[in-house]
Protein backbone atom coordinates (compact mmCIF):
# COMPACT_ATOMS: atom_id res chain seq x y z
CA UNK A 1 -0.01 0.10 -0.02
CA UNK A 2 2.98 2.34 -0.65
CA UNK A 3 4.81 3.99 -3.35
CA UNK A 4 8.11 3.42 -1.57
CA UNK A 5 9.53 0.62 0.91
CA UNK A 6 7.55 -0.59 3.63
CA UNK A 7 8.25 -0.04 7.24
CA UNK A 8 7.06 -1.50 10.72
CA UNK A 9 8.46 1.47 12.58
CA UNK A 10 6.40 4.42 13.69
CA UNK A 11 5.93 6.64 10.67
CA UNK A 12 7.41 10.39 11.00
CA UNK A 13 5.12 13.36 10.26
CA UNK A 14 4.22 13.23 6.65
CA UNK A 15 5.99 9.85 5.92
CA UNK A 16 2.39 8.15 5.32
CA UNK A 17 2.59 9.55 1.86
CA UNK A 18 5.66 7.75 0.83
CA UNK A 19 5.84 4.72 3.11
CA UNK A 20 3.57 1.95 4.16
CA UNK A 21 1.64 1.88 7.44
CA UNK A 22 1.74 -1.57 9.12
CA UNK A 23 -1.96 -2.67 9.68
CA UNK A 24 -1.26 -4.11 12.99
CA UNK A 25 0.75 -1.34 14.30
CA UNK A 26 -2.08 1.02 13.62
CA UNK A 27 -4.24 2.23 16.35
CA UNK A 28 -8.19 2.01 16.15
CA UNK A 29 -10.71 3.07 18.35
CA UNK A 30 -11.59 -0.63 18.93
CA UNK A 31 -8.14 -0.83 20.69
CA UNK A 32 -9.21 1.48 23.72
CA UNK A 33 -8.57 -0.22 26.93
CA UNK A 34 -11.09 -0.47 29.75
CA UNK A 35 -9.95 2.49 31.59
CA UNK A 36 -9.97 4.79 28.43
CA UNK A 37 -13.61 3.52 27.67
CA UNK A 38 -14.62 4.39 31.33
CA UNK A 39 -13.07 7.95 31.02
CA UNK A 40 -15.06 8.33 27.84
CA UNK A 41 -18.09 7.12 29.23
CA UNK A 42 -17.74 9.38 32.27
CA UNK A 43 -17.41 12.39 30.01
CA UNK A 44 -20.87 11.21 28.19
CA UNK A 45 -22.39 10.87 31.46
CA UNK A 46 -21.41 14.38 32.61
CA UNK A 47 -22.92 16.01 29.68
CA UNK A 48 -25.96 13.87 30.18
CA UNK A 49 -26.61 14.77 33.87
CA UNK A 50 -24.75 18.12 34.27
CA UNK A 51 -24.64 20.09 30.94
CA UNK A 52 -27.57 19.16 28.70
CA UNK A 53 -30.45 19.68 31.19
CA UNK A 54 -29.26 23.36 31.83
CA UNK A 55 -28.25 24.02 28.27
CA UNK A 56 -30.76 26.88 27.75
CA UNK A 57 -29.42 28.68 30.87
CA UNK A 58 -25.92 28.36 29.84
CA UNK A 59 -26.84 29.98 26.44
CA UNK A 60 -28.31 32.78 28.38
CA UNK A 61 -25.30 33.43 30.36
CA UNK A 62 -26.78 32.73 33.66
CA UNK A 63 -24.03 34.37 36.15
CA UNK A 64 -21.81 31.84 37.54
CA UNK A 65 -23.15 28.73 35.90
CA UNK A 66 -20.38 28.06 33.31
CA UNK A 67 -17.59 28.49 36.14
CA UNK A 68 -19.37 26.28 38.25
CA UNK A 69 -20.01 23.51 35.82
CA UNK A 70 -16.22 23.69 35.03
CA UNK A 71 -15.33 23.38 38.73
CA UNK A 72 -17.66 20.32 38.88
CA UNK A 73 -15.64 18.75 35.81
CA UNK A 74 -12.62 19.63 37.78
CA UNK A 75 -13.52 17.50 40.59
CA UNK A 76 -14.15 14.49 38.38
CA UNK A 77 -10.62 14.96 36.93
CA UNK A 78 -11.73 16.07 33.51
CA UNK A 79 -9.67 19.17 33.50
CA UNK A 80 -6.33 17.44 34.39
CA UNK A 81 -6.26 14.32 32.32
CA UNK A 82 -2.85 14.65 30.81
CA UNK A 83 -1.26 16.83 33.69
CA UNK A 84 1.40 15.16 35.69
CA UNK A 85 0.00 13.95 38.98
CA UNK A 86 2.64 15.98 40.96
CA UNK A 87 0.89 19.03 39.52
CA UNK A 88 -2.65 17.68 40.36
CA UNK A 89 -3.63 15.94 37.16
CA UNK A 90 -4.21 12.37 36.69
CA UNK A 91 -1.09 11.80 34.43
CA UNK A 92 -2.98 9.86 31.52
CA UNK A 93 -1.70 9.35 28.04
CA UNK A 94 -2.25 11.58 25.01
CA UNK A 95 -4.99 9.14 23.66
CA UNK A 96 -7.09 9.57 26.94
CA UNK A 97 -6.78 13.08 26.73
CA UNK A 98 -7.96 13.01 23.27
CA UNK A 99 -10.87 11.02 24.33
CA UNK A 100 -11.94 13.50 26.93
CA UNK A 101 -12.14 16.21 24.12
CA UNK A 102 -14.33 13.81 22.17
CA UNK A 103 -16.52 12.59 25.01
CA UNK A 104 -17.32 16.31 25.89
CA UNK A 105 -17.42 17.60 22.41
CA UNK A 106 -21.30 17.19 22.39
CA UNK A 107 -21.83 19.85 25.11
CA UNK A 108 -22.42 22.86 23.03
CA UNK A 109 -20.85 26.04 24.61
CA UNK A 110 -19.56 24.10 27.48
CA UNK A 111 -17.37 22.08 25.36
CA UNK A 112 -15.86 25.38 23.94
CA UNK A 113 -15.22 26.63 27.63
CA UNK A 114 -13.77 23.26 28.63
CA UNK A 115 -11.65 22.92 25.47
CA UNK A 116 -10.22 26.47 25.80
CA UNK A 117 -9.37 26.04 29.52
CA UNK A 118 -7.66 22.79 29.35
CA UNK A 119 -5.97 23.55 26.08
CA UNK A 120 -4.75 26.96 25.48
CA UNK A 121 -5.62 27.98 28.96
CA UNK A 122 -3.35 25.58 30.70
CA UNK A 123 -0.98 24.08 28.31
CA UNK A 124 1.24 27.36 27.67
CA UNK A 125 1.94 27.42 31.47
CA UNK A 126 2.35 23.59 31.77
CA UNK A 127 4.76 23.20 28.81
CA UNK A 128 6.64 26.68 29.08
CA UNK A 129 6.47 27.80 32.50
CA UNK A 130 9.09 27.94 35.05
CA UNK A 131 8.75 25.37 38.12
CA UNK A 132 7.70 28.24 40.16
CA UNK A 133 4.95 29.29 37.62
CA UNK A 134 3.79 25.73 37.19
CA UNK A 135 3.57 25.01 40.98
CA UNK A 136 1.64 28.22 41.31
CA UNK A 137 -0.80 27.94 38.51
CA UNK A 138 -1.17 24.24 37.33
CA UNK A 139 -2.78 22.63 40.29
CA UNK A 140 -5.36 25.18 40.56
CA UNK A 141 -5.97 25.10 36.84
CA UNK A 142 -6.28 21.27 37.02
CA UNK A 143 -8.72 21.32 39.86
CA UNK A 144 -11.00 23.92 38.13
CA UNK A 145 -10.25 26.43 41.23
CA UNK A 146 -8.94 28.75 38.56
CA UNK A 147 -10.07 29.10 35.04
CA UNK A 148 -7.67 29.66 32.24
CA UNK A 149 -7.94 31.65 28.94
CA UNK A 150 -5.54 32.83 26.26
CA UNK A 151 -5.10 36.13 24.47
CA UNK A 152 -3.49 36.23 20.98
CA UNK A 153 -5.70 37.73 18.47
CA UNK A 154 -6.17 41.30 18.05
CA UNK A 155 -8.86 43.35 16.00
CA UNK A 156 -6.01 43.68 13.17
CA UNK A 157 -4.20 40.48 13.60
CA UNK A 158 -6.13 37.13 13.29
CA UNK A 159 -4.34 34.44 11.17
CA UNK A 160 -1.32 36.70 10.94
CA UNK A 161 -0.77 36.68 14.75
CA UNK A 162 2.60 37.92 14.58
CA UNK A 163 1.54 41.24 13.57
CA UNK A 164 0.04 41.98 16.70
CA UNK A 165 0.38 45.52 18.26
CA UNK A 166 0.15 45.03 21.79
CA UNK A 167 3.35 46.25 23.53
CA UNK A 168 5.23 45.44 26.58
CA UNK A 169 8.19 47.73 28.09
CA UNK A 170 10.40 46.95 31.12
CA UNK A 171 9.63 49.61 33.85
CA UNK A 172 12.52 51.73 35.09
CA UNK A 173 13.03 49.89 38.14
CA UNK A 174 12.98 46.51 36.18
CA UNK A 175 10.29 45.04 38.44
CA UNK A 176 7.44 44.88 35.78
CA UNK A 177 6.53 44.70 32.25
CA UNK A 178 4.21 47.61 31.17
CA UNK A 179 1.56 46.15 28.77
CA UNK A 180 -0.54 48.40 26.54
CA UNK A 181 -2.99 47.12 23.76
CA UNK A 182 -6.10 45.04 23.34
CA UNK A 183 -7.08 41.41 22.65
CA UNK A 184 -10.40 40.22 21.18
CA UNK A 185 -12.55 36.96 20.77
CA UNK A 186 -11.07 35.75 24.27
CA UNK A 187 -12.89 32.49 25.11
CA UNK A 188 -13.51 32.31 28.92
CA UNK A 189 -12.31 35.95 29.15
CA UNK A 190 -15.39 37.27 31.12
CA UNK A 191 -14.54 34.82 34.29
CA UNK A 192 -11.19 33.51 33.81
CA UNK A 193 -8.59 33.87 36.51
CA UNK A 194 -5.32 33.32 34.68
CA UNK A 195 -4.42 34.54 31.08
CA UNK A 196 -1.59 33.79 28.59
CA UNK A 197 -1.23 36.97 26.78
CA UNK A 198 0.96 37.82 23.87
CA UNK A 199 2.77 41.13 23.27
CA UNK A 200 5.91 42.61 21.76
CA UNK A 201 8.77 43.68 23.95
CA UNK A 202 10.47 46.87 22.64
CA UNK A 203 8.15 46.90 19.57
CA UNK A 204 9.38 43.59 17.93
CA UNK A 205 10.43 40.71 20.53
CA UNK A 206 7.13 38.69 20.39
CA UNK A 207 6.77 37.40 23.85
CA UNK A 208 4.23 35.65 26.14
CA UNK A 209 3.13 36.57 29.63
CA UNK A 210 0.95 35.13 32.76
CA UNK A 211 -1.89 37.80 33.69
CA UNK A 212 -4.30 37.51 36.55
CA UNK A 213 -7.73 38.90 36.85
CA UNK A 214 -7.44 42.11 38.93
CA UNK A 215 -3.79 43.05 37.82
CA UNK A 216 -3.48 46.87 37.81
CA UNK A 217 -4.51 48.29 34.20
CA UNK A 218 -5.98 45.04 32.99
CA UNK A 219 -9.87 45.39 32.19
CA UNK A 220 -12.20 43.53 30.02
CA UNK A 221 -15.13 44.41 27.65
CA UNK A 222 -18.78 43.20 27.59
CA UNK A 223 -19.70 39.76 26.34
CA UNK A 224 -19.82 39.59 22.57
CA UNK A 225 -23.30 38.64 20.80
CA UNK A 226 -22.45 35.80 18.59
CA UNK A 227 -24.13 33.74 16.15
CA UNK A 228 -23.58 30.37 17.92
CA UNK A 229 -21.85 29.32 21.02
CA UNK A 230 -23.88 31.81 22.90
CA UNK A 231 -22.99 30.50 26.43
CA UNK A 232 -19.40 30.58 25.81
CA UNK A 233 -17.81 33.84 27.45
CA UNK A 234 -16.14 35.86 24.60
CA UNK A 235 -14.58 39.42 25.49
CA UNK A 236 -12.13 41.82 24.71
CA UNK A 237 -9.27 42.41 26.98
CA UNK A 238 -7.73 45.92 27.52
CA UNK A 239 -4.30 46.65 28.74
CA UNK A 240 -3.61 50.41 29.72
CA UNK A 241 -0.23 50.46 31.56
CA UNK A 242 -0.96 47.19 32.78
CA UNK A 243 1.98 46.14 35.55
CA UNK A 244 2.93 42.49 35.00
CA UNK A 245 5.66 41.24 37.30
CA UNK A 246 8.78 40.23 35.34
CA UNK A 247 8.35 36.89 36.82
CA UNK A 248 5.42 36.40 34.89
CA UNK A 249 7.23 36.52 31.63
CA UNK A 250 6.32 32.99 29.98
CA UNK A 251 9.19 31.30 28.12
CA UNK A 252 11.93 33.47 26.53
CA UNK A 253 11.69 37.21 25.59
CA UNK A 254 11.10 37.11 21.76
CA UNK A 255 10.12 33.24 21.77
CA UNK A 256 6.43 34.02 21.97
CA UNK A 257 5.68 32.52 18.54
CA UNK A 258 7.13 29.06 19.78
CA UNK A 259 4.45 28.94 22.52
CA UNK A 260 1.71 30.14 20.29
CA UNK A 261 2.09 27.88 17.26
CA UNK A 262 3.20 24.66 19.35
CA UNK A 263 0.20 25.02 21.53
CA UNK A 264 -1.91 25.30 18.28
CA UNK A 265 -0.62 21.76 17.04
CA UNK A 266 -2.11 20.21 19.96
CA UNK A 267 -5.29 22.37 19.88
CA UNK A 268 -5.97 21.14 16.20
CA UNK A 269 -6.23 17.89 17.10
CA UNK A 270 -8.25 18.44 20.04
CA UNK A 271 -10.51 20.46 18.21
CA UNK A 272 -11.05 17.48 15.76
CA UNK A 273 -11.73 15.26 18.64
CA UNK A 274 -14.34 17.51 19.99
CA UNK A 275 -16.02 18.02 16.53
CA UNK A 276 -16.19 14.09 16.21
CA UNK A 277 -17.84 13.82 19.49
CA UNK A 278 -20.21 16.61 18.54
CA UNK A 279 -20.98 15.09 15.22
CA UNK A 280 -21.84 11.76 16.73
CA UNK A 281 -24.27 13.56 19.25
CA UNK A 282 -26.03 15.45 16.38
CA UNK A 283 -26.29 12.26 14.26
CA UNK A 284 -27.79 10.42 17.22
CA UNK A 285 -30.21 13.47 17.75
CA UNK A 286 -31.02 13.17 14.00
CA UNK A 287 -31.57 9.48 14.11
CA UNK A 288 -34.11 9.66 17.00
CA UNK A 289 -35.77 12.35 15.26
CA UNK A 290 -36.32 10.35 11.92
CA UNK A 291 -37.40 7.48 13.89
CA UNK A 292 -40.32 9.29 15.45
CA UNK A 293 -41.19 11.68 12.95
CA UNK A 294 -43.98 10.54 10.52
CA UNK A 295 -44.87 11.52 7.09
CA UNK A 296 -47.08 9.77 4.69
CA UNK A 297 -47.97 7.32 7.47
CA UNK A 298 -44.55 6.03 7.98
CA UNK A 299 -41.58 7.18 9.92
CA UNK A 300 -39.18 9.46 7.68
CA UNK A 301 -36.31 7.17 8.62
CA UNK A 302 -37.85 4.56 6.04
CA UNK A 303 -37.27 6.77 2.97
CA UNK A 304 -34.15 6.30 0.83
CA UNK A 305 -33.18 10.00 0.83
CA UNK A 306 -33.14 10.24 4.76
CA UNK A 307 -31.21 6.91 4.92
CA UNK A 308 -28.54 8.44 2.49
CA UNK A 309 -28.03 11.46 4.96
CA UNK A 310 -27.79 9.27 8.04
CA UNK A 311 -25.44 6.77 6.52
CA UNK A 312 -23.18 9.33 4.83
CA UNK A 313 -22.80 11.31 7.97
CA UNK A 314 -21.96 8.17 9.85
CA UNK A 315 -19.46 7.02 7.21
CA UNK A 316 -17.75 10.50 7.51
CA UNK A 317 -17.61 10.24 11.27
CA UNK A 318 -15.98 6.75 11.17
CA UNK A 319 -13.51 7.92 8.65
CA UNK A 320 -12.47 11.09 10.46
CA UNK A 321 -12.32 9.33 13.96
CA UNK A 322 -10.10 6.48 12.07
CA UNK A 323 -7.53 9.20 11.24
CA UNK A 324 -7.81 10.98 14.69
CA UNK A 325 -6.54 8.07 16.64
CA UNK A 326 -4.22 6.79 14.34
CA UNK A 327 -2.32 10.19 14.67
CA UNK A 328 -3.13 10.24 18.43
CA UNK A 329 -1.20 7.14 18.66
CA UNK A 330 1.66 8.52 16.71
CA UNK A 331 1.84 11.35 19.08
CA UNK A 332 1.79 9.18 22.10
CA UNK A 333 4.49 6.80 21.03
CA UNK A 334 6.72 9.70 19.96
CA UNK A 335 6.12 11.24 23.34
CA UNK A 336 7.33 8.09 25.07
CA UNK A 337 10.24 7.79 22.66
CA UNK A 338 11.38 11.35 23.32
CA UNK A 339 11.05 10.85 27.29
CA UNK A 340 13.10 7.65 26.96
CA UNK A 341 15.63 9.56 25.23
CA UNK A 342 16.09 12.02 28.10
CA UNK A 343 13.73 14.77 27.06
CA UNK A 344 11.69 16.58 29.53
CA UNK A 345 7.98 16.04 29.94
CA UNK A 346 7.13 19.23 28.16
CA UNK A 347 9.74 18.90 25.60
CA UNK A 348 8.52 15.33 24.84
CA UNK A 349 4.89 16.30 24.22
CA UNK A 350 5.74 19.56 22.26
CA UNK A 351 8.26 17.61 20.07
CA UNK A 352 5.59 14.90 19.38
CA UNK A 353 2.95 17.33 18.37
CA UNK A 354 5.27 19.15 16.21
CA UNK A 355 6.49 16.10 14.46
CA UNK A 356 2.81 15.38 13.58
CA UNK A 357 1.76 19.11 12.98
CA UNK A 358 0.92 18.33 9.32
CA UNK A 359 -1.56 15.70 10.53
CA UNK A 360 -2.86 17.93 13.28
CA UNK A 361 -3.72 20.34 10.62
CA UNK A 362 -5.25 17.97 8.35
CA UNK A 363 -7.41 16.58 11.16
CA UNK A 364 -8.68 19.93 12.22
CA UNK A 365 -9.89 20.53 8.56
CA UNK A 366 -11.41 17.15 8.27
CA UNK A 367 -13.03 17.00 11.84
CA UNK A 368 -14.79 20.54 11.66
CA UNK A 369 -16.12 19.93 8.02
CA UNK A 370 -17.58 16.45 9.29
CA UNK A 371 -19.31 18.25 11.98
CA UNK A 372 -20.64 20.92 9.70
CA UNK A 373 -22.10 18.34 7.33
CA UNK A 374 -23.43 16.44 10.30
CA UNK A 375 -25.64 19.27 11.71
CA UNK A 376 -26.38 20.80 8.24
CA UNK A 377 -28.13 17.27 7.07
CA UNK A 378 -29.41 17.00 10.65
CA UNK A 379 -31.37 20.38 10.31
CA UNK A 380 -32.50 19.00 6.76
CA UNK A 381 -33.82 15.85 8.27
CA UNK A 382 -35.61 17.99 11.07
CA UNK A 383 -37.32 20.01 8.28
CA UNK A 384 -39.03 23.00 9.61
CA UNK A 385 -38.51 21.88 13.17
CA UNK A 386 -34.75 22.13 12.45
CA UNK A 387 -35.11 25.77 12.14
CA UNK A 388 -36.73 26.20 15.70
CA UNK A 389 -34.76 26.94 18.75
CA UNK A 390 -36.80 24.17 20.48
CA UNK A 391 -34.79 21.45 18.97
CA UNK A 392 -31.26 21.04 19.79
CA UNK A 393 -30.13 20.46 16.20
CA UNK A 394 -30.66 24.27 15.60
CA UNK A 395 -28.26 25.01 18.58
CA UNK A 396 -25.86 22.53 16.96
CA UNK A 397 -25.86 23.96 13.70
CA UNK A 398 -25.25 27.44 14.84
CA UNK A 399 -22.44 26.31 17.38
CA UNK A 400 -20.65 24.14 14.61
CA UNK A 401 -19.72 27.08 12.40
CA UNK A 402 -17.07 28.61 14.53
CA UNK A 403 -14.93 25.20 14.27
CA UNK A 404 -13.83 25.99 10.64
CA UNK A 405 -12.69 29.57 11.78
CA UNK A 406 -10.83 29.12 15.27
CA UNK A 407 -7.32 27.24 15.88
CA UNK A 408 -6.24 28.70 12.39
CA UNK A 409 -9.07 29.03 9.55
CA UNK A 410 -9.48 25.82 7.48
CA UNK A 411 -7.96 27.58 4.64
CA UNK A 412 -4.71 28.36 6.74
CA UNK A 413 -4.58 24.83 7.71
CA UNK A 414 -4.87 23.73 4.22
CA UNK A 415 -1.94 25.91 3.09
CA UNK A 416 0.11 24.89 6.24
CA UNK A 417 -0.45 21.23 5.41
CA UNK A 418 1.42 21.55 2.12
CA UNK A 419 3.81 24.31 3.20
CA UNK A 420 5.10 21.95 6.16
CA UNK A 421 5.50 19.02 3.76
CA UNK A 422 7.56 21.06 1.37
CA UNK A 423 9.57 22.56 3.94
CA UNK A 424 10.33 19.05 5.45
CA UNK A 425 11.37 17.93 2.03
CA UNK A 426 13.56 20.89 1.50
CA UNK A 427 15.15 20.06 4.94
CA UNK A 428 15.78 16.49 3.98
CA UNK A 429 13.41 15.39 6.68
CA UNK A 430 10.78 13.91 4.26
CA UNK A 431 12.02 12.43 0.81
CA UNK A 432 9.31 13.47 -1.53
CA UNK A 433 11.69 14.00 -4.32
CA UNK A 434 12.59 10.30 -4.94
CA UNK A 435 8.92 9.02 -5.02
CA UNK A 436 7.87 12.04 -7.05
CA UNK A 437 10.40 10.85 -9.72
CA UNK A 438 9.65 7.60 -9.76
CA UNK A 439 5.85 8.47 -10.31
CA UNK A 440 6.97 10.78 -12.99
CA UNK A 441 8.92 7.89 -14.84
CA UNK A 442 5.74 5.90 -14.44
CA UNK A 443 3.83 8.26 -16.37
CA UNK A 444 6.09 7.69 -19.45
CA UNK A 445 5.91 3.91 -19.22
CA UNK A 446 3.35 1.35 -20.43
CA UNK A 447 0.70 0.65 -17.62
CA UNK A 448 1.00 -2.74 -15.97
CA UNK A 449 -1.67 -5.04 -16.93
CA UNK A 450 -0.55 -7.94 -15.13
CA UNK A 451 -2.45 -10.48 -12.97
CA UNK A 452 -4.63 -8.84 -10.48
CA UNK A 453 -3.73 -9.26 -6.71
CA UNK A 454 -6.88 -11.39 -5.38
CA UNK A 455 -5.84 -11.00 -1.74
CA UNK A 456 -8.28 -9.46 0.58
CA UNK A 457 -8.44 -5.67 0.36
CA UNK A 458 -5.83 -5.78 -2.52
CA UNK A 459 -7.85 -3.43 -4.90
CA UNK A 460 -8.32 -0.86 -2.00
CA UNK A 461 -4.83 -0.97 -1.00
CA UNK A 462 -3.94 -0.24 -4.81
CA UNK A 463 -6.33 2.57 -4.79
CA UNK A 464 -4.54 4.19 -1.93
CA UNK A 465 -1.15 3.70 -3.60
CA UNK A 466 -2.51 5.40 -6.51
CA UNK A 467 -4.10 8.32 -4.72
CA UNK A 468 -0.70 8.94 -3.17
CA UNK A 469 0.96 8.74 -6.75
CA UNK A 470 -1.64 11.32 -7.83
CA UNK A 471 -0.47 13.80 -5.18
CA UNK A 472 3.31 13.15 -5.78
CA UNK A 473 2.72 13.73 -9.56
CA UNK A 474 0.64 16.95 -9.05
CA UNK A 475 2.66 18.55 -6.24
CA UNK A 476 6.01 17.62 -7.98
CA UNK A 477 5.14 18.99 -11.17
CA UNK A 478 3.73 22.11 -9.45
CA UNK A 479 6.90 22.79 -7.56
CA UNK A 480 9.08 22.12 -10.40
CA UNK A 481 7.18 24.50 -12.70
CA UNK A 482 6.28 27.21 -10.33
CA UNK A 483 9.31 27.08 -8.02
CA UNK A 484 9.19 29.77 -5.22
CA UNK A 485 5.93 31.33 -6.76
CA UNK A 486 3.96 28.38 -5.69
CA UNK A 487 3.60 30.01 -2.40
CA UNK A 488 1.31 32.64 -4.15
CA UNK A 489 -0.92 30.12 -5.75
CA UNK A 490 -3.23 29.32 -2.82
CA UNK A 491 -5.87 27.74 -4.94
CA UNK A 492 -3.25 25.13 -6.32
CA UNK A 493 -1.94 24.50 -2.62
CA UNK A 494 -5.49 24.07 -1.38
CA UNK A 495 -6.09 21.62 -4.14
CA UNK A 496 -3.28 19.62 -3.25
CA UNK A 497 -4.16 19.82 0.47
CA UNK A 498 -7.51 18.22 -0.40
CA UNK A 499 -5.87 15.48 -2.11
CA UNK A 500 -3.60 14.92 0.85
CA UNK A 501 -6.53 15.01 3.43
CA UNK A 502 -8.60 12.59 1.55
CA UNK A 503 -6.03 10.13 1.03
CA UNK A 504 -4.69 10.36 4.74
CA UNK A 505 -8.30 9.77 5.85
CA UNK A 506 -8.84 6.91 3.13
CA UNK A 507 -5.91 5.16 4.14
CA UNK A 508 -6.86 5.39 7.86
CA UNK A 509 -10.30 3.96 7.41
CA UNK A 510 -8.94 1.08 5.39
CA UNK A 511 -6.27 0.16 7.94
CA UNK A 512 -9.10 0.20 10.62
CA UNK A 513 -11.23 -2.02 8.48
CA UNK A 514 -8.46 -4.64 7.48
CA UNK A 515 -7.42 -4.75 11.42
CA UNK A 516 -11.06 -5.02 12.40
CA UNK A 517 -11.86 -7.78 9.81
CA UNK A 518 -8.58 -9.72 11.10
CA UNK A 519 -9.78 -9.37 14.61
CA UNK A 520 -13.64 -9.92 14.22
CA UNK A 521 -13.95 -11.66 10.91
CA UNK A 522 -15.54 -10.60 7.71
CA UNK A 523 -19.27 -10.80 8.68
CA UNK A 524 -18.63 -8.98 11.99
CA UNK A 525 -17.02 -6.01 10.41
CA UNK A 526 -19.44 -6.17 7.05
CA UNK A 527 -20.87 -2.71 8.02
CA UNK A 528 -17.68 -0.92 8.63
CA UNK A 529 -16.37 -2.45 5.44
CA UNK A 530 -19.21 -0.92 3.68
CA UNK A 531 -18.44 2.41 5.28
CA UNK A 532 -14.91 2.11 3.97
CA UNK A 533 -15.90 1.49 0.56
CA UNK A 534 -18.23 4.32 0.00
CA UNK A 535 -15.69 6.67 1.82
CA UNK A 536 -12.94 5.46 -0.45
CA UNK A 537 -15.21 5.45 -3.56
CA UNK A 538 -16.00 9.10 -2.87
CA UNK A 539 -12.55 10.02 -1.90
CA UNK A 540 -11.09 9.05 -5.20
CA UNK A 541 -13.41 11.34 -7.14
CA UNK A 542 -12.48 14.08 -5.00
CA UNK A 543 -8.89 13.45 -5.57
CA UNK A 544 -9.59 13.48 -9.34
CA UNK A 545 -11.32 16.90 -8.99
CA UNK A 546 -8.75 18.43 -7.01
CA UNK A 547 -5.86 17.03 -9.01
CA UNK A 548 -7.64 18.10 -12.28
CA UNK A 549 -8.14 21.67 -11.01
CA UNK A 550 -4.59 22.07 -9.93
CA UNK A 551 -3.07 20.56 -13.07
CA UNK A 552 -5.31 22.85 -15.20
CA UNK A 553 -3.99 25.86 -13.45
CA UNK A 554 -0.25 25.38 -13.97
CA UNK A 555 0.24 22.82 -16.72
CA UNK A 556 -0.60 23.47 -20.76
CA UNK A 557 -0.05 21.41 -23.90
CA UNK A 558 1.54 18.04 -23.89
CA UNK A 559 2.62 18.32 -20.06
CA UNK A 560 -0.96 18.96 -19.27
CA UNK A 561 -2.47 16.03 -21.39
CA UNK A 562 0.14 13.59 -19.98
CA UNK A 563 -0.73 14.33 -16.44
CA UNK A 564 -4.37 14.55 -16.94
CA UNK A 565 -4.00 10.99 -18.35
CA UNK A 566 -1.99 9.97 -15.45
CA UNK A 567 -4.52 11.53 -13.04
CA UNK A 568 -7.25 9.21 -14.75
CA UNK A 569 -5.14 6.25 -14.38
CA UNK A 570 -4.40 6.89 -10.62
CA UNK A 571 -8.03 7.78 -9.75
CA UNK A 572 -9.65 4.59 -11.45
CA UNK A 573 -12.15 2.71 -9.25
CA UNK A 574 -14.09 -0.50 -9.54
CA UNK A 575 -17.87 -0.32 -9.88
CA UNK A 576 -19.44 -0.37 -6.61
CA UNK A 577 -23.26 0.05 -5.52
CA UNK A 578 -22.92 2.66 -2.94
CA UNK A 579 -26.85 2.94 -2.48
CA UNK A 580 -27.19 -0.36 -1.19
CA UNK A 581 -24.18 -0.21 1.06
CA UNK A 582 -25.62 3.23 2.74
CA UNK A 583 -28.86 1.48 2.93
CA UNK A 584 -27.50 -1.31 5.12
CA UNK A 585 -25.45 1.20 7.18
CA UNK A 586 -28.46 3.20 7.77
CA UNK A 587 -30.85 0.33 8.67
CA UNK A 588 -28.39 -0.62 11.40
CA UNK A 589 -28.23 3.05 12.76
CA UNK A 590 -32.15 3.28 12.77
CA UNK A 591 -32.27 -0.21 14.41
CA UNK A 592 -29.71 1.19 17.33
CA UNK A 593 -31.76 4.31 17.34
CA UNK A 594 -28.11 6.27 17.73
CA UNK A 595 -24.61 6.33 16.21
CA UNK A 596 -23.08 3.28 17.90
CA UNK A 597 -19.77 2.41 16.32
């Protein structure tokens, strides 16, 4: 299933494009141990008993309600899953912390508050703080006694975070940094106790600081009125000669970008996890409605058009989840490897997340867009009722939209996916040139019409190999033709990113199904195999479309014709009856009355 040599070792970031993943080394959700499953169940139970019953009160911003819920979550250990035990956490692995994000992902505004607190509100101090800073802040953040927030975005610096205007100047006595400026869209900003804030020292040294509520010169604006996540506190922060003790500098002067960007790598994967959890809840809500809503004297769940929507949503969730936990295990393994090599706790996880920054960016895009599909089709299945505030699906629809914007817009993450791939290739960390040259030579050769491999899943494996060839051919030719100008061709870069995302997710769901089939047998994993075939069939078409758009944007004449023929060769699929497969999947969902995989 590769364009290069196979390997049994854990792949480096981006290497899945040129090397084979060993099926039995691939981690899948069915591998969760008993403790991990208990943690996930505890999260779901917390939502059912503590959050969903008061969701309308949360959305009305009832004073003190959100902080109190977060404190209760802290009492159950849900705020400190991956924080070391000596700092008040549970010391669990990365997969378990991702599971918590998924398990709490269906909690609407509460999910946003929790994710911001446990991620960008806590991790900068945990990974970059001094021992004194960690001992002071982390135990209270882990318990929920203190709530965390993060101030990076400004009115004129969103995706371009380094263009921030907030300033910090060392006071004459050398005891404080004097901050001036403002931050916007600060999640948890209205009630947080601790804030990680970024400003430029001496006008150009982008740096991070730990601020506390009540510091002199530090104020906040009123709550923003938003389209969705209405119960999430979102305010602006203002600094007018704000005095921050020099001991509250976080990390090194001028190294704030390292904190901001490394934390985002982890945040993107965790956002994908939360989005998948929210998508599962949205689909379950939709299935239950379709089973009870009758039209033309029968439940609407019996109609083929509705079955398509239910099944397709489940397929996309199953596929995205496959990629999520495959990557989570890679990060987990890398973290252990780095710790065993002598790296500190913080260096290990940051290094592991940086290694798989490409995959984190892809997961963020895919997970957020799966959720958007789930809630959009959920509203459609609900019909007119889906447009009513009385039904949770309307809230899910509004709340979903933000996920494609924060933690880096999906456009930025698509561009980063390709940019990071190319930079690693240029630094010699990822050998893209060799495989790309091999594919280029293959285009000039006569196609191999030898005997087809009749081993289980051989055709699907070949499809993945060919999708990778399509990426290498398209990206290789684009780089060769455009050279440094490629950075200005964002449409082409996003086409290539879409090819990469679909291929990575397709390979992930295929590996999951192969492993499941080996463990459970063909009959027991038949519906998961149906989901894989449906996803792969559509993904190949998406790769073809994105590849065609990219090739037509930079190639002409014989080169264009040859590449389009190659793309056609690499995106051929066997005939497949996806209608019947989707009906089988939908019938199971309808019978279970929920998403159950």
